[in-house]
Amino acid sequence: MQQNYERIQAAGAELITISSDNVAPTKKTVENHGLEYPVLSDNKKEVITAYNVIDQSDTSIARPAAYIITPDGKVAWKSLDAAAVRVPTATILTELGKL
């Protein structure tokens, strides 16, 4: 995602990721990978649960997912992927282009 972050922003969108890890490991991931987009910690899994992305095979983590949420808070598109499979950024950019 980092390598396509500018393209996502150029499409008029913002990228925010949510981790089920605690704050310290989440910060370490951001630092280790040089991530420039916001990475939030949801160790209580409140948002992860609300968006139905709990991994059913390991409920301590979230499964890969992508949501496009409009400025008025509506879900315009979503992809709930299988464990360890992430939606390609090109797909997200295509969906953004449809809005």
PDB file of N, CA and C in Angstrom:
ATOM      1  N   MET A   1       0.817  -1.189   0.000  1.00  0.00           N
ATOM      2  CA  MET A   1       0.000   0.000   0.000  1.00  0.00           C
ATOM      3  C   MET A   1       0.864   1.257   0.000  1.00  0.00           C
ATOM      4  N   GLN A   2       1.987   1.198   0.724  1.00  0.00           N
ATOM      5  CA  GLN A   2       2.833   2.380   0.806  1.00  0.00           C
ATOM      6  C   GLN A   2       3.275   2.849  -0.577  1.00  0.00           C
ATOM      7  N   GLN A   3       3.645   1.916  -1.438  1.00  0.00           N
ATOM      8  CA  GLN A   3       4.132   2.312  -2.756  1.00  0.00           C
ATOM      9  C   GLN A   3       3.051   2.946  -3.617  1.00  0.00           C
ATOM     10  N   ASN A   4       1.798   2.741  -3.283  1.00  0.00           N
ATOM     11  CA  ASN A   4       0.688   3.334  -4.043  1.00  0.00           C
ATOM     12  C   ASN A   4      -0.062   4.405  -3.268  1.00  0.00           C
ATOM     13  N   TYR A   5       0.465   4.795  -2.127  1.00  0.00           N
ATOM     14  CA  TYR A   5      -0.216   5.771  -1.276  1.00  0.00           C
ATOM     15  C   TYR A   5      -0.470   7.086  -2.013  1.00  0.00           C
ATOM     16  N   GLU A   6       0.511   7.568  -2.744  1.00  0.00           N
ATOM     17  CA  GLU A   6       0.328   8.826  -3.480  1.00  0.00           C
ATOM     18  C   GLU A   6      -0.758   8.692  -4.537  1.00  0.00           C
ATOM     19  N   ARG A   7      -0.853   7.535  -5.184  1.00  0.00           N
ATOM     20  CA  ARG A   7      -1.899   7.320  -6.185  1.00  0.00           C
ATOM     21  C   ARG A   7      -3.284   7.318  -5.534  1.00  0.00           C
ATOM     22  N   ILE A   8      -3.377   6.743  -4.350  1.00  0.00           N
ATOM     23  CA  ILE A   8      -4.654   6.736  -3.627  1.00  0.00           C
ATOM     24  C   ILE A   8      -5.043   8.167  -3.275  1.00  0.00           C
ATOM     25  N   GLN A   9      -4.096   8.942  -2.778  1.00  0.00           N
ATOM     26  CA  GLN A   9      -4.377  10.338  -2.449  1.00  0.00           C
ATOM     27  C   GLN A   9      -4.726  11.144  -3.706  1.00  0.00           C
ATOM     28  N   ALA A  10      -4.037  10.876  -4.809  1.00  0.00           N
ATOM     29  CA  ALA A  10      -4.322  11.574  -6.063  1.00  0.00           C
ATOM     30  C   ALA A  10      -5.731  11.281  -6.558  1.00  0.00           C
ATOM     31  N   ALA A  11      -6.276  10.138  -6.153  1.00  0.00           N
ATOM     32  CA  ALA A  11      -7.650   9.783  -6.522  1.00  0.00           C
ATOM     33  C   ALA A  11      -8.662  10.469  -5.604  1.00  0.00           C
ATOM     34  N   GLY A  12      -8.148  11.306  -4.686  1.00  0.00           N
ATOM     35  CA  GLY A  12      -9.039  12.045  -3.786  1.00  0.00           C
ATOM     36  C   GLY A  12      -9.428  11.265  -2.549  1.00  0.00           C
ATOM     37  N   ALA A  13      -8.658  10.248  -2.216  1.00  0.00           N
ATOM     38  CA  ALA A  13      -8.989   9.393  -1.076  1.00  0.00           C
ATOM     39  C   ALA A  13      -7.868   9.441  -0.040  1.00  0.00           C
ATOM     40  N   GLU A  14      -8.162   8.886   1.110  1.00  0.00           N
ATOM     41  CA  GLU A  14      -7.171   8.733   2.174  1.00  0.00           C
ATOM     42  C   GLU A  14      -7.125   7.267   2.550  1.00  0.00           C
ATOM     43  N   LEU A  15      -5.941   6.777   2.818  1.00  0.00           N
ATOM     44  CA  LEU A  15      -5.735   5.399   3.236  1.00  0.00           C
ATOM     45  C   LEU A  15      -5.525   5.377   4.739  1.00  0.00           C
ATOM     46  N   ILE A  16      -6.284   4.563   5.418  1.00  0.00           N
ATOM     47  CA  ILE A  16      -6.122   4.360   6.853  1.00  0.00           C
ATOM     48  C   ILE A  16      -6.166   2.860   7.075  1.00  0.00           C
ATOM     49  N   THR A  17      -5.208   2.339   7.803  1.00  0.00           N
ATOM     50  CA  THR A  17      -5.234   0.921   8.116  1.00  0.00           C
ATOM     51  C   THR A  17      -5.451   0.727   9.611  1.00  0.00           C
ATOM     52  N   ILE A  18      -5.995  -0.412   9.942  1.00  0.00           N
ATOM     53  CA  ILE A  18      -6.296  -0.723  11.342  1.00  0.00           C
ATOM     54  C   ILE A  18      -5.686  -2.075  11.678  1.00  0.00           C
ATOM     55  N   SER A  19      -4.932  -2.095  12.762  1.00  0.00           N
ATOM     56  CA  SER A  19      -4.272  -3.306  13.224  1.00  0.00           C
ATOM     57  C   SER A  19      -4.935  -3.803  14.505  1.00  0.00           C
ATOM     58  N   SER A  20      -4.948  -5.116  14.680  1.00  0.00           N
ATOM     59  CA  SER A  20      -5.462  -5.672  15.930  1.00  0.00           C
ATOM     60  C   SER A  20      -4.382  -5.734  17.005  1.00  0.00           C
ATOM     61  N   ASP A  21      -3.175  -5.303  16.665  1.00  0.00           N
ATOM     62  CA  ASP A  21      -2.079  -5.286  17.629  1.00  0.00           C
ATOM     63  C   ASP A  21      -2.231  -4.120  18.610  1.00  0.00           C
ATOM     64  N   ASN A  22      -1.518  -4.216  19.726  1.00  0.00           N
ATOM     65  CA  ASN A  22      -1.438  -3.100  20.669  1.00  0.00           C
ATOM     66  C   ASN A  22      -0.689  -1.938  20.021  1.00  0.00           C
ATOM     67  N   VAL A  23      -0.698  -0.793  20.682  1.00  0.00           N
ATOM     68  CA  VAL A  23      -0.093   0.417  20.125  1.00  0.00           C
ATOM     69  C   VAL A  23       1.404   0.239  19.848  1.00  0.00           C
ATOM     70  N   ALA A  24       2.157  -0.299  20.790  1.00  0.00           N
ATOM     71  CA  ALA A  24       3.616  -0.404  20.622  1.00  0.00           C
ATOM     72  C   ALA A  24       4.006  -1.231  19.388  1.00  0.00           C
ATOM     73  N   PRO A  25       3.460  -2.441  19.205  1.00  0.00           N
ATOM     74  CA  PRO A  25       3.815  -3.194  17.992  1.00  0.00           C
ATOM     75  C   PRO A  25       3.332  -2.503  16.708  1.00  0.00           C
ATOM     76  N   THR A  26       2.196  -1.814  16.796  1.00  0.00           N
ATOM     77  CA  THR A  26       1.693  -1.092  15.628  1.00  0.00           C
ATOM     78  C   THR A  26       2.668   0.015  15.251  1.00  0.00           C
ATOM     79  N   LYS A  27       3.146   0.783  16.234  1.00  0.00           N
ATOM     80  CA  LYS A  27       4.128   1.847  15.975  1.00  0.00           C
ATOM     81  C   LYS A  27       5.408   1.264  15.384  1.00  0.00           C
ATOM     82  N   LYS A  28       5.828   0.128  15.894  1.00  0.00           N
ATOM     83  CA  LYS A  28       7.052  -0.515  15.399  1.00  0.00           C
ATOM     84  C   LYS A  28       6.892  -0.912  13.931  1.00  0.00           C
ATOM     85  N   THR A  29       5.722  -1.442  13.580  1.00  0.00           N
ATOM     86  CA  THR A  29       5.455  -1.799  12.191  1.00  0.00           C
ATOM     87  C   THR A  29       5.539  -0.570  11.295  1.00  0.00           C
ATOM     88  N   VAL A  30       4.942   0.525  11.737  1.00  0.00           N
ATOM     89  CA  VAL A  30       4.975   1.776  10.973  1.00  0.00           C
ATOM     90  C   VAL A  30       6.415   2.221  10.766  1.00  0.00           C
ATOM     91  N   GLU A  31       7.192   2.214  11.829  1.00  0.00           N
ATOM     92  CA  GLU A  31       8.597   2.640  11.749  1.00  0.00           C
ATOM     93  C   GLU A  31       9.422   1.694  10.884  1.00  0.00           C
ATOM     94  N   ASN A  32       9.271   0.397  11.085  1.00  0.00           N
ATOM     95  CA  ASN A  32      10.065  -0.592  10.347  1.00  0.00           C
ATOM     96  C   ASN A  32       9.803  -0.567   8.845  1.00  0.00           C
ATOM     97  N   HIS A  33       8.583  -0.224   8.463  1.00  0.00           N
ATOM     98  CA  HIS A  33       8.222  -0.234   7.047  1.00  0.00           C
ATOM     99  C   HIS A  33       8.136   1.169   6.443  1.00  0.00           C
ATOM    100  N   GLY A  34       8.415   2.189   7.235  1.00  0.00           N
ATOM    101  CA  GLY A  34       8.381   3.558   6.727  1.00  0.00           C
ATOM    102  C   GLY A  34       7.015   3.970   6.215  1.00  0.00           C
ATOM    103  N   LEU A  35       5.975   3.546   6.902  1.00  0.00           N
ATOM    104  CA  LEU A  35       4.615   3.846   6.448  1.00  0.00           C
ATOM    105  C   LEU A  35       4.285   5.306   6.694  1.00  0.00           C
ATOM    106  N   GLU A  36       3.722   5.945   5.695  1.00  0.00           N
ATOM    107  CA  GLU A  36       3.369   7.359   5.784  1.00  0.00           C
ATOM    108  C   GLU A  36       1.878   7.582   6.006  1.00  0.00           C
ATOM    109  N   TYR A  37       1.084   6.551   5.837  1.00  0.00           N
ATOM    110  CA  TYR A  37      -0.354   6.669   6.052  1.00  0.00           C
ATOM    111  C   TYR A  37      -0.682   6.275   7.490  1.00  0.00           C
ATOM    112  N   PRO A  38      -1.844   6.717   7.988  1.00  0.00           N
ATOM    113  CA  PRO A  38      -2.214   6.392   9.366  1.00  0.00           C
ATOM    114  C   PRO A  38      -2.449   4.893   9.566  1.00  0.00           C
ATOM    115  N   VAL A  39      -1.864   4.366  10.629  1.00  0.00           N
ATOM    116  CA  VAL A  39      -2.086   2.977  11.033  1.00  0.00           C
ATOM    117  C   VAL A  39      -2.597   3.023  12.465  1.00  0.00           C
ATOM    118  N   LEU A  40      -3.820   2.611  12.647  1.00  0.00           N
ATOM    119  CA  LEU A  40      -4.469   2.691  13.950  1.00  0.00           C
ATOM    120  C   LEU A  40      -4.427   1.348  14.667  1.00  0.00           C
ATOM    121  N   SER A  41      -4.389   1.407  15.973  1.00  0.00           N
ATOM    122  CA  SER A  41      -4.403   0.198  16.794  1.00  0.00           C
ATOM    123  C   SER A  41      -5.812  -0.021  17.330  1.00  0.00           C
ATOM    124  N   ASP A  42      -6.334  -1.215  17.104  1.00  0.00           N
ATOM    125  CA  ASP A  42      -7.657  -1.590  17.598  1.00  0.00           C
ATOM    126  C   ASP A  42      -7.526  -2.894  18.378  1.00  0.00           C
ATOM    127  N   ASN A  43      -6.712  -2.854  19.438  1.00  0.00           N
ATOM    128  CA  ASN A  43      -6.442  -4.090  20.177  1.00  0.00           C
ATOM    129  C   ASN A  43      -7.675  -4.634  20.894  1.00  0.00           C
ATOM    130  N   LYS A  44      -8.701  -3.806  21.088  1.00  0.00           N
ATOM    131  CA  LYS A  44      -9.956  -4.304  21.664  1.00  0.00           C
ATOM    132  C   LYS A  44     -10.887  -4.850  20.578  1.00  0.00           C
ATOM    133  N   LYS A  45     -10.467  -4.675  19.340  1.00  0.00           N
ATOM    134  CA  LYS A  45     -11.179  -5.181  18.162  1.00  0.00           C
ATOM    135  C   LYS A  45     -12.597  -4.619  18.014  1.00  0.00           C
ATOM    136  N   GLU A  46     -12.790  -3.386  18.446  1.00  0.00           N
ATOM    137  CA  GLU A  46     -14.115  -2.765  18.337  1.00  0.00           C
ATOM    138  C   GLU A  46     -14.471  -2.439  16.890  1.00  0.00           C
ATOM    139  N   VAL A  47     -13.558  -1.793  16.181  1.00  0.00           N
ATOM    140  CA  VAL A  47     -13.814  -1.447  14.780  1.00  0.00           C
ATOM    141  C   VAL A  47     -13.754  -2.705  13.923  1.00  0.00           C
ATOM    142  N   ILE A  48     -12.787  -3.551  14.219  1.00  0.00           N
ATOM    143  CA  ILE A  48     -12.640  -4.799  13.474  1.00  0.00           C
ATOM    144  C   ILE A  48     -13.912  -5.635  13.573  1.00  0.00           C
ATOM    145  N   THR A  49     -14.511  -5.672  14.734  1.00  0.00           N
ATOM    146  CA  THR A  49     -15.765  -6.405  14.919  1.00  0.00           C
ATOM    147  C   THR A  49     -16.916  -5.693  14.207  1.00  0.00           C
ATOM    148  N   ALA A  50     -16.976  -4.383  14.332  1.00  0.00           N
ATOM    149  CA  ALA A  50     -18.061  -3.611  13.704  1.00  0.00           C
ATOM    150  C   ALA A  50     -18.079  -3.781  12.187  1.00  0.00           C
ATOM    151  N   TYR A  51     -16.902  -3.933  11.597  1.00  0.00           N
ATOM    152  CA  TYR A  51     -16.817  -4.100  10.143  1.00  0.00           C
ATOM    153  C   TYR A  51     -16.734  -5.575   9.733  1.00  0.00           C
ATOM    154  N   ASN A  52     -16.964  -6.481  10.687  1.00  0.00           N
ATOM    155  CA  ASN A  52     -17.044  -7.916  10.418  1.00  0.00           C
ATOM    156  C   ASN A  52     -15.785  -8.469   9.756  1.00  0.00           C
ATOM    157  N   VAL A  53     -14.619  -8.080  10.269  1.00  0.00           N
ATOM    158  CA  VAL A  53     -13.384  -8.577   9.674  1.00  0.00           C
ATOM    159  C   VAL A  53     -12.554  -9.441  10.631  1.00  0.00           C
ATOM    160  N   ILE A  54     -13.177  -9.931  11.690  1.00  0.00           N
ATOM    161  CA  ILE A  54     -12.486 -10.881  12.565  1.00  0.00           C
ATOM    162  C   ILE A  54     -12.171 -12.136  11.753  1.00  0.00           C
ATOM    163  N   ASP A  55     -10.946 -12.595  11.843  1.00  0.00           N
ATOM    164  CA  ASP A  55     -10.552 -13.828  11.171  1.00  0.00           C
ATOM    165  C   ASP A  55     -11.176 -14.995  11.933  1.00  0.00           C
ATOM    166  N   GLN A  56     -12.034 -15.745  11.295  1.00  0.00           N
ATOM    167  CA  GLN A  56     -12.749 -16.838  11.970  1.00  0.00           C
ATOM    168  C   GLN A  56     -11.824 -17.984  12.388  1.00  0.00           C
ATOM    169  N   SER A  57     -10.687 -18.130  11.726  1.00  0.00           N
ATOM    170  CA  SER A  57      -9.756 -19.196  12.100  1.00  0.00           C
ATOM    171  C   SER A  57      -8.810 -18.770  13.227  1.00  0.00           C
ATOM    172  N   ASP A  58      -8.696 -17.459  13.461  1.00  0.00           N
ATOM    173  CA  ASP A  58      -7.867 -16.930  14.545  1.00  0.00           C
ATOM    174  C   ASP A  58      -8.483 -15.615  14.990  1.00  0.00           C
ATOM    175  N   THR A  59      -9.380 -15.675  15.956  1.00  0.00           N
ATOM    176  CA  THR A  59     -10.148 -14.492  16.362  1.00  0.00           C
ATOM    177  C   THR A  59      -9.314 -13.417  17.056  1.00  0.00           C
ATOM    178  N   SER A  60      -8.017 -13.627  17.182  1.00  0.00           N
ATOM    179  CA  SER A  60      -7.163 -12.592  17.761  1.00  0.00           C
ATOM    180  C   SER A  60      -6.683 -11.599  16.708  1.00  0.00           C
ATOM    181  N   ILE A  61      -6.999 -11.869  15.434  1.00  0.00           N
ATOM    182  CA  ILE A  61      -6.544 -10.995  14.358  1.00  0.00           C
ATOM    183  C   ILE A  61      -7.697 -10.657  13.408  1.00  0.00           C
ATOM    184  N   ALA A  62      -7.453  -9.691  12.569  1.00  0.00           N
ATOM    185  CA  ALA A  62      -8.413  -9.328  11.527  1.00  0.00           C
ATOM    186  C   ALA A  62      -7.986  -9.992  10.222  1.00  0.00           C
ATOM    187  N   ARG A  63      -8.968 -10.325   9.404  1.00  0.00           N
ATOM    188  CA  ARG A  63      -8.638 -10.818   8.073  1.00  0.00           C
ATOM    189  C   ARG A  63      -8.424  -9.610   7.169  1.00  0.00           C
ATOM    190  N   PRO A  64      -7.664  -9.750   6.110  1.00  0.00           N
ATOM    191  CA  PRO A  64      -7.457  -8.625   5.211  1.00  0.00           C
ATOM    192  C   PRO A  64      -8.791  -8.135   4.644  1.00  0.00           C
ATOM    193  N   ALA A  65      -8.961  -6.842   4.640  1.00  0.00           N
ATOM    194  CA  ALA A  65     -10.193  -6.249   4.119  1.00  0.00           C
ATOM    195  C   ALA A  65      -9.884  -4.846   3.626  1.00  0.00           C
ATOM    196  N   ALA A  66     -10.699  -4.372   2.724  1.00  0.00           N
ATOM    197  CA  ALA A  66     -10.587  -2.993   2.242  1.00  0.00           C
ATOM    198  C   ALA A  66     -11.991  -2.426   2.122  1.00  0.00           C
ATOM    199  N   TYR A  67     -12.157  -1.219   2.595  1.00  0.00           N
ATOM    200  CA  TYR A  67     -13.433  -0.512   2.505  1.00  0.00           C
ATOM    201  C   TYR A  67     -13.196   0.857   1.894  1.00  0.00           C
ATOM    202  N   ILE A  68     -14.118   1.268   1.046  1.00  0.00           N
ATOM    203  CA  ILE A  68     -14.145   2.653   0.581  1.00  0.00           C
ATOM    204  C   ILE A  68     -15.370   3.271   1.223  1.00  0.00           C
ATOM    205  N   ILE A  69     -15.114   4.282   2.028  1.00  0.00           N
ATOM    206  CA  ILE A  69     -16.183   4.953   2.770  1.00  0.00           C
ATOM    207  C   ILE A  69     -16.284   6.375   2.249  1.00  0.00           C
ATOM    208  N   THR A  70     -17.483   6.766   1.873  1.00  0.00           N
ATOM    209  CA  THR A  70     -17.697   8.103   1.323  1.00  0.00           C
ATOM    210  C   THR A  70     -17.580   9.156   2.430  1.00  0.00           C
ATOM    211  N   PRO A  71     -17.394  10.408   2.045  1.00  0.00           N
ATOM    212  CA  PRO A  71     -17.291  11.465   3.059  1.00  0.00           C
ATOM    213  C   PRO A  71     -18.496  11.539   4.002  1.00  0.00           C
ATOM    214  N   ASP A  72     -19.661  11.074   3.549  1.00  0.00           N
ATOM    215  CA  ASP A  72     -20.841  11.108   4.423  1.00  0.00           C
ATOM    216  C   ASP A  72     -20.982   9.821   5.251  1.00  0.00           C
ATOM    217  N   GLY A  73     -19.944   8.953   5.229  1.00  0.00           N
ATOM    218  CA  GLY A  73     -19.910   7.780   6.103  1.00  0.00           C
ATOM    219  C   GLY A  73     -20.526   6.512   5.553  1.00  0.00           C
ATOM    220  N   LYS A  74     -20.919   6.499   4.291  1.00  0.00           N
ATOM    221  CA  LYS A  74     -21.523   5.303   3.705  1.00  0.00           C
ATOM    222  C   LYS A  74     -20.450   4.410   3.088  1.00  0.00           C
ATOM    223  N   VAL A  75     -20.639   3.106   3.204  1.00  0.00           N
ATOM    224  CA  VAL A  75     -19.723   2.154   2.579  1.00  0.00           C
ATOM    225  C   VAL A  75     -20.075   2.088   1.095  1.00  0.00           C
ATOM    226  N   ALA A  76     -19.143   2.542   0.249  1.00  0.00           N
ATOM    227  CA  ALA A  76     -19.362   2.543  -1.195  1.00  0.00           C
ATOM    228  C   ALA A  76     -18.882   1.254  -1.842  1.00  0.00           C
ATOM    229  N   TRP A  77     -17.918   0.591  -1.211  1.00  0.00           N
ATOM    230  CA  TRP A  77     -17.340  -0.642  -1.758  1.00  0.00           C
ATOM    231  C   TRP A  77     -16.586  -1.340  -0.646  1.00  0.00           C
ATOM    232  N   LYS A  78     -16.531  -2.664  -0.710  1.00  0.00           N
ATOM    233  CA  LYS A  78     -15.731  -3.397   0.263  1.00  0.00           C
ATOM    234  C   LYS A  78     -15.219  -4.689  -0.345  1.00  0.00           C
ATOM    235  N   SER A  79     -14.115  -5.158   0.219  1.00  0.00           N
ATOM    236  CA  SER A  79     -13.536  -6.433  -0.153  1.00  0.00           C
ATOM    237  C   SER A  79     -13.115  -7.117   1.130  1.00  0.00           C
ATOM    238  N   LEU A  80     -13.718  -8.249   1.408  1.00  0.00           N
ATOM    239  CA  LEU A  80     -13.356  -9.052   2.567  1.00  0.00           C
ATOM    240  C   LEU A  80     -12.596 -10.255   2.050  1.00  0.00           C
ATOM    241  N   ASP A  81     -11.294 -10.227   2.217  1.00  0.00           N
ATOM    242  CA  ASP A  81     -10.433 -11.233   1.627  1.00  0.00           C
ATOM    243  C   ASP A  81     -10.213 -12.426   2.541  1.00  0.00           C
ATOM    244  N   ALA A  82      -9.775 -13.495   1.950  1.00  0.00           N
ATOM    245  CA  ALA A  82      -9.389 -14.678   2.718  1.00  0.00           C
ATOM    246  C   ALA A  82      -8.113 -14.369   3.492  1.00  0.00           C
ATOM    247  N   ALA A  83      -7.842 -15.151   4.490  1.00  0.00           N
ATOM    248  CA  ALA A  83      -6.638 -14.951   5.303  1.00  0.00           C
ATOM    249  C   ALA A  83      -5.396 -14.886   4.426  1.00  0.00           C
ATOM    250  N   ALA A  84      -4.543 -13.921   4.724  1.00  0.00           N
ATOM    251  CA  ALA A  84      -3.246 -13.735   4.064  1.00  0.00           C
ATOM    252  C   ALA A  84      -3.352 -13.351   2.584  1.00  0.00           C
ATOM    253  N   VAL A  85      -4.530 -12.956   2.124  1.00  0.00           N
ATOM    254  CA  VAL A  85      -4.706 -12.500   0.747  1.00  0.00           C
ATOM    255  C   VAL A  85      -5.241 -11.083   0.804  1.00  0.00           C
ATOM    256  N   ARG A  86      -4.553 -10.173   0.157  1.00  0.00           N
ATOM    257  CA  ARG A  86      -4.976  -8.774   0.194  1.00  0.00           C
ATOM    258  C   ARG A  86      -5.460  -8.329  -1.190  1.00  0.00           C
ATOM    259  N   VAL A  87      -6.449  -7.469  -1.189  1.00  0.00           N
ATOM    260  CA  VAL A  87      -6.956  -6.930  -2.443  1.00  0.00           C
ATOM    261  C   VAL A  87      -5.861  -6.060  -3.077  1.00  0.00           C
ATOM    262  N   PRO A  88      -5.625  -6.212  -4.380  1.00  0.00           N
ATOM    263  CA  PRO A  88      -4.607  -5.391  -5.026  1.00  0.00           C
ATOM    264  C   PRO A  88      -4.980  -3.907  -5.006  1.00  0.00           C
ATOM    265  N   THR A  89      -3.983  -3.071  -4.857  1.00  0.00           N
ATOM    266  CA  THR A  89      -4.221  -1.630  -4.854  1.00  0.00           C
ATOM    267  C   THR A  89      -4.868  -1.187  -6.161  1.00  0.00           C
ATOM    268  N   ALA A  90      -4.517  -1.834  -7.264  1.00  0.00           N
ATOM    269  CA  ALA A  90      -5.113  -1.483  -8.559  1.00  0.00           C
ATOM    270  C   ALA A  90      -6.626  -1.642  -8.518  1.00  0.00           C
ATOM    271  N   THR A  91      -7.100  -2.642  -7.821  1.00  0.00           N
ATOM    272  CA  THR A  91      -8.546  -2.849  -7.684  1.00  0.00           C
ATOM    273  C   THR A  91      -9.169  -1.709  -6.886  1.00  0.00           C
ATOM    274  N   ILE A  92      -8.515  -1.318  -5.817  1.00  0.00           N
ATOM    275  CA  ILE A  92      -9.025  -0.204  -5.007  1.00  0.00           C
ATOM    276  C   ILE A  92      -9.068   1.072  -5.840  1.00  0.00           C
ATOM    277  N   LEU A  93      -8.015   1.340  -6.612  1.00  0.00           N
ATOM    278  CA  LEU A  93      -7.984   2.535  -7.450  1.00  0.00           C
ATOM    279  C   LEU A  93      -9.081   2.497  -8.511  1.00  0.00           C
ATOM    280  N   THR A  94      -9.348   1.326  -9.065  1.00  0.00           N
ATOM    281  CA  THR A  94     -10.444   1.179 -10.036  1.00  0.00           C
ATOM    282  C   THR A  94     -11.779   1.522  -9.391  1.00  0.00           C
ATOM    283  N   GLU A  95     -11.999   1.016  -8.196  1.00  0.00           N
ATOM    284  CA  GLU A  95     -13.261   1.283  -7.486  1.00  0.00           C
ATOM    285  C   GLU A  95     -13.376   2.759  -7.114  1.00  0.00           C
ATOM    286  N   LEU A  96     -12.280   3.375  -6.720  1.00  0.00           N
ATOM    287  CA  LEU A  96     -12.298   4.812  -6.421  1.00  0.00           C
ATOM    288  C   LEU A  96     -12.677   5.611  -7.664  1.00  0.00           C
ATOM    289  N   GLY A  97     -12.185   5.165  -8.813  1.00  0.00           N
ATOM    290  CA  GLY A  97     -12.481   5.843 -10.068  1.00  0.00           C
ATOM    291  C   GLY A  97     -13.940   5.781 -10.463  1.00  0.00           C
ATOM    292  N   LYS A  98     -14.673   4.840  -9.905  1.00  0.00           N
ATOM    293  CA  LYS A  98     -16.099   4.697 -10.203  1.00  0.00           C
ATOM    294  C   LYS A  98     -16.968   5.662  -9.415  1.00  0.00           C
ATOM    295  N   LEU A  99     -16.398   6.258  -8.370  1.00  0.00           N
ATOM    296  CA  LEU A  99     -17.194   7.152  -7.520  1.00  0.00           C
ATOM    297  C   LEU A  99     -17.373   8.523  -8.141  1.00  0.00           C
TER     298      LEU A  99
END
